[in-house]
C-alpha atoms as a PDB file:
ATOM      1  CA  SER A   1     -70.259  38.194  -2.150  1.00  0.00           C
ATOM      2  CA  SER A   2     -71.970  34.841  -1.897  1.00  0.00           C
ATOM      3  CA  GLN A   3     -69.855  33.816  -4.919  1.00  0.00           C
ATOM      4  CA  ALA A   4     -66.682  33.923  -2.848  1.00  0.00           C
ATOM      5  CA  VAL A   5     -65.653  30.526  -1.613  1.00  0.00           C
ATOM      6  CA  SER A   6     -64.800  30.756   2.057  1.00  0.00           C
ATOM      7  CA  GLU A   7     -61.329  29.865   3.268  1.00  0.00           C
ATOM      8  CA  ILE A   8     -62.650  26.817   5.106  1.00  0.00           C
ATOM      9  CA  GLU A   9     -64.363  25.580   1.919  1.00  0.00           C
ATOM     10  CA  LYS A  10     -61.102  25.944   0.008  1.00  0.00           C
ATOM     11  CA  ARG A  11     -59.334  24.049   2.740  1.00  0.00           C
ATOM     12  CA  ARG A  12     -61.932  21.251   2.715  1.00  0.00           C
ATOM     13  CA  LYS A  13     -61.535  20.895  -1.067  1.00  0.00           C
ATOM     14  CA  ARG A  14     -57.759  20.765  -0.784  1.00  0.00           C
ATOM     15  CA  LEU A  15     -57.876  18.135   1.972  1.00  0.00           C
ATOM     16  CA  LEU A  16     -60.453  16.095   0.073  1.00  0.00           C
ATOM     17  CA  TRP A  17     -58.161  16.077  -2.959  1.00  0.00           C
ATOM     18  CA  ARG A  18     -55.225  14.991  -0.790  1.00  0.00           C
ATOM     19  CA  ALA A  19     -57.301  12.219   0.776  1.00  0.00           C
ATOM     20  CA  LYS A  20     -58.292  10.853  -2.648  1.00  0.00           C
ATOM     21  CA  CYS A  21     -54.864  11.096  -4.254  1.00  0.00           C
ATOM     22  CA  ARG A  22     -52.552   9.172  -1.971  1.00  0.00           C
ATOM     23  CA  GLY A  23     -51.406   6.836  -4.738  1.00  0.00           C
ATOM     24  CA  TRP A  24     -52.539   3.714  -2.889  1.00  0.00           C
ATOM     25  CA  LEU A  25     -55.898   2.538  -4.189  1.00  0.00           C
ATOM     26  CA  GLU A  26     -57.407   1.140  -0.982  1.00  0.00           C
ATOM     27  CA  LEU A  27     -56.446   4.242   0.973  1.00  0.00           C
ATOM     28  CA  ASP A  28     -57.546   6.613  -1.812  1.00  0.00           C
ATOM     29  CA  VAL A  29     -61.008   5.035  -1.775  1.00  0.00           C
ATOM     30  CA  LEU A  30     -61.261   4.718   1.980  1.00  0.00           C
ATOM     31  CA  MET A  31     -59.939   8.133   2.960  1.00  0.00           C
ATOM     32  CA  GLY A  32     -61.608   9.844   0.012  1.00  0.00           C
ATOM     33  CA  THR A  33     -64.996   8.404   0.947  1.00  0.00           C
ATOM     34  CA  PHE A  34     -64.505   9.265   4.614  1.00  0.00           C
ATOM     35  CA  ALA A  35     -63.531  12.820   3.631  1.00  0.00           C
ATOM     36  CA  GLU A  36     -66.565  13.197   1.342  1.00  0.00           C
ATOM     37  CA  LYS A  37     -68.879  12.121   4.153  1.00  0.00           C
ATOM     38  CA  ASN A  38     -67.289  14.128   6.955  1.00  0.00           C
ATOM     39  CA  LEU A  39     -65.294  17.177   5.859  1.00  0.00           C
ATOM     40  CA  GLY A  40     -68.388  19.306   5.291  1.00  0.00           C
ATOM     41  CA  ALA A  41     -69.121  19.153   9.024  1.00  0.00           C
ATOM     42  CA  PHE A  42     -65.522  19.609  10.205  1.00  0.00           C
ATOM     43  CA  ASP A  43     -64.437  22.902  11.729  1.00  0.00           C
ATOM     44  CA  ASP A  44     -60.854  24.170  11.532  1.00  0.00           C
ATOM     45  CA  ALA A  45     -59.766  22.198  14.599  1.00  0.00           C
ATOM     46  CA  ARG A  46     -60.998  18.907  13.113  1.00  0.00           C
ATOM     47  CA  LEU A  47     -59.535  19.797   9.727  1.00  0.00           C
ATOM     48  CA  ASP A  48     -56.187  20.218  11.527  1.00  0.00           C
ATOM     49  CA  LEU A  49     -56.566  16.718  12.957  1.00  0.00           C
ATOM     50  CA  PHE A  50     -57.476  15.295   9.543  1.00  0.00           C
ATOM     51  CA  GLU A  51     -54.464  17.040   8.063  1.00  0.00           C
ATOM     52  CA  GLU A  52     -52.287  15.343  10.711  1.00  0.00           C
ATOM     53  CA  VAL A  53     -53.612  11.974   9.525  1.00  0.00           C
ATOM     54  CA  LEU A  54     -52.922  12.911   5.887  1.00  0.00           C
ATOM     55  CA  GLU A  55     -49.273  13.585   6.795  1.00  0.00           C
ATOM     56  CA  LEU A  56     -48.798   9.980   7.921  1.00  0.00           C
ATOM     57  CA  GLU A  57     -47.199   7.318   5.729  1.00  0.00           C
ATOM     58  CA  ASN A  58     -49.422   5.014   3.650  1.00  0.00           C
ATOM     59  CA  PRO A  59     -47.894   1.720   4.902  1.00  0.00           C
ATOM     60  CA  ASP A  60     -48.457   2.805   8.512  1.00  0.00           C
ATOM     61  CA  LEU A  61     -52.051   3.861   7.892  1.00  0.00           C
ATOM     62  CA  PHE A  62     -52.720   0.594   6.091  1.00  0.00           C
ATOM     63  CA  LYS A  63     -51.356  -1.453   9.032  1.00  0.00           C
ATOM     64  CA  TRP A  64     -53.429   0.510  11.541  1.00  0.00           C
ATOM     65  CA  PHE A  65     -56.607   0.314   9.465  1.00  0.00           C
ATOM     66  CA  THR A  66     -56.184  -3.431   8.871  1.00  0.00           C
ATOM     67  CA  GLY A  67     -55.413  -4.080  12.519  1.00  0.00           C
ATOM     68  CA  GLN A  68     -51.958  -5.467  11.677  1.00  0.00           C
ATOM     69  CA  ALA A  69     -50.519  -2.900  14.078  1.00  0.00           C
ATOM     70  CA  ALA A  70     -51.922  -0.876  16.953  1.00  0.00           C
ATOM     71  CA  VAL A  71     -52.472   2.849  16.488  1.00  0.00           C
ATOM     72  CA  PRO A  72     -49.564   4.536  18.313  1.00  0.00           C
ATOM     73  CA  GLU A  73     -50.151   6.332  21.599  1.00  0.00           C
ATOM     74  CA  GLU A  74     -49.462   9.797  20.174  1.00  0.00           C
ATOM     75  CA  LEU A  75     -52.336   9.358  17.705  1.00  0.00           C
ATOM     76  CA  LYS A  76     -54.859   8.109  20.248  1.00  0.00           C
ATOM     77  CA  ASP A  77     -55.838  11.686  21.119  1.00  0.00           C
ATOM     78  CA  ASN A  78     -56.634  12.450  17.479  1.00  0.00           C
ATOM     79  CA  GLU A  79     -60.420  12.022  17.327  1.00  0.00           C
ATOM     80  CA  VAL A  80     -60.400  12.113  13.523  1.00  0.00           C
ATOM     81  CA  MET A  81     -57.966   9.180  13.428  1.00  0.00           C
ATOM     82  CA  ALA A  82     -60.256   7.328  15.853  1.00  0.00           C
ATOM     83  CA  SER A  83     -63.249   8.102  13.596  1.00  0.00           C
ATOM     84  CA  LEU A  84     -61.363   6.816  10.566  1.00  0.00           C
ATOM     85  CA  VAL A  85     -60.469   3.553  12.309  1.00  0.00           C
ATOM     86  CA  GLU A  86     -64.118   3.117  13.348  1.00  0.00           C
ATOM     87  CA  TYR A  87     -65.227   3.973   9.826  1.00  0.00           C
ATOM     88  CA  VAL A  88     -62.977   1.259   8.386  1.00  0.00           C
ATOM     89  CA  LYS A  89     -64.392  -1.292  10.832  1.00  0.00           C
ATOM     90  CA  SER A  90     -68.011  -0.389  10.156  1.00  0.00           C
ATOM     91  CA  ASP A  91     -67.593  -0.017   6.410  1.00  0.00           C
ATOM     92  CA  HIS A  92     -65.345  -3.003   5.794  1.00  0.00           C
ATOM     93  CA  GLY A  93     -66.454  -5.412   8.501  1.00  0.00           C
ATOM     94  CA  SER A  94     -63.175  -7.010   9.480  1.00  0.00           C
ATOM     95  CA  GLY A  95     -61.196  -4.147   7.980  1.00  0.00           C
ATOM     96  CA  LEU A  96     -59.213  -3.747   4.791  1.00  0.00           C
ATOM     97  CA  HIS A  97     -57.440  -6.700   3.265  1.00  0.00           C
ATOM     98  CA  ASP A  98     -54.215  -6.984   1.387  1.00  0.00           C
ATOM     99  CA  LYS A  99     -55.041  -7.776  -2.222  1.00  0.00           C
END
């Protein structure tokens, strides 16, 4: 029925929740907002890539997003990671800042 939520919708909701609940305010806001804007258009392949990013450690993500460290080679092929980095630059000008 049209009432049934599709598997991909369930997955998007779950990933959105994970993006917003990282326990690190700047990343919760940043990744949650990115997820809200983009997950609706992501297919399973891109959701897989986003899930890969969600598995990464907060301190690492923060360093990459703030430009304190370069994104490692193995992540350069992840187009969702690249989109996130671009999103941080466009949304936060010079990037995130340590409070």
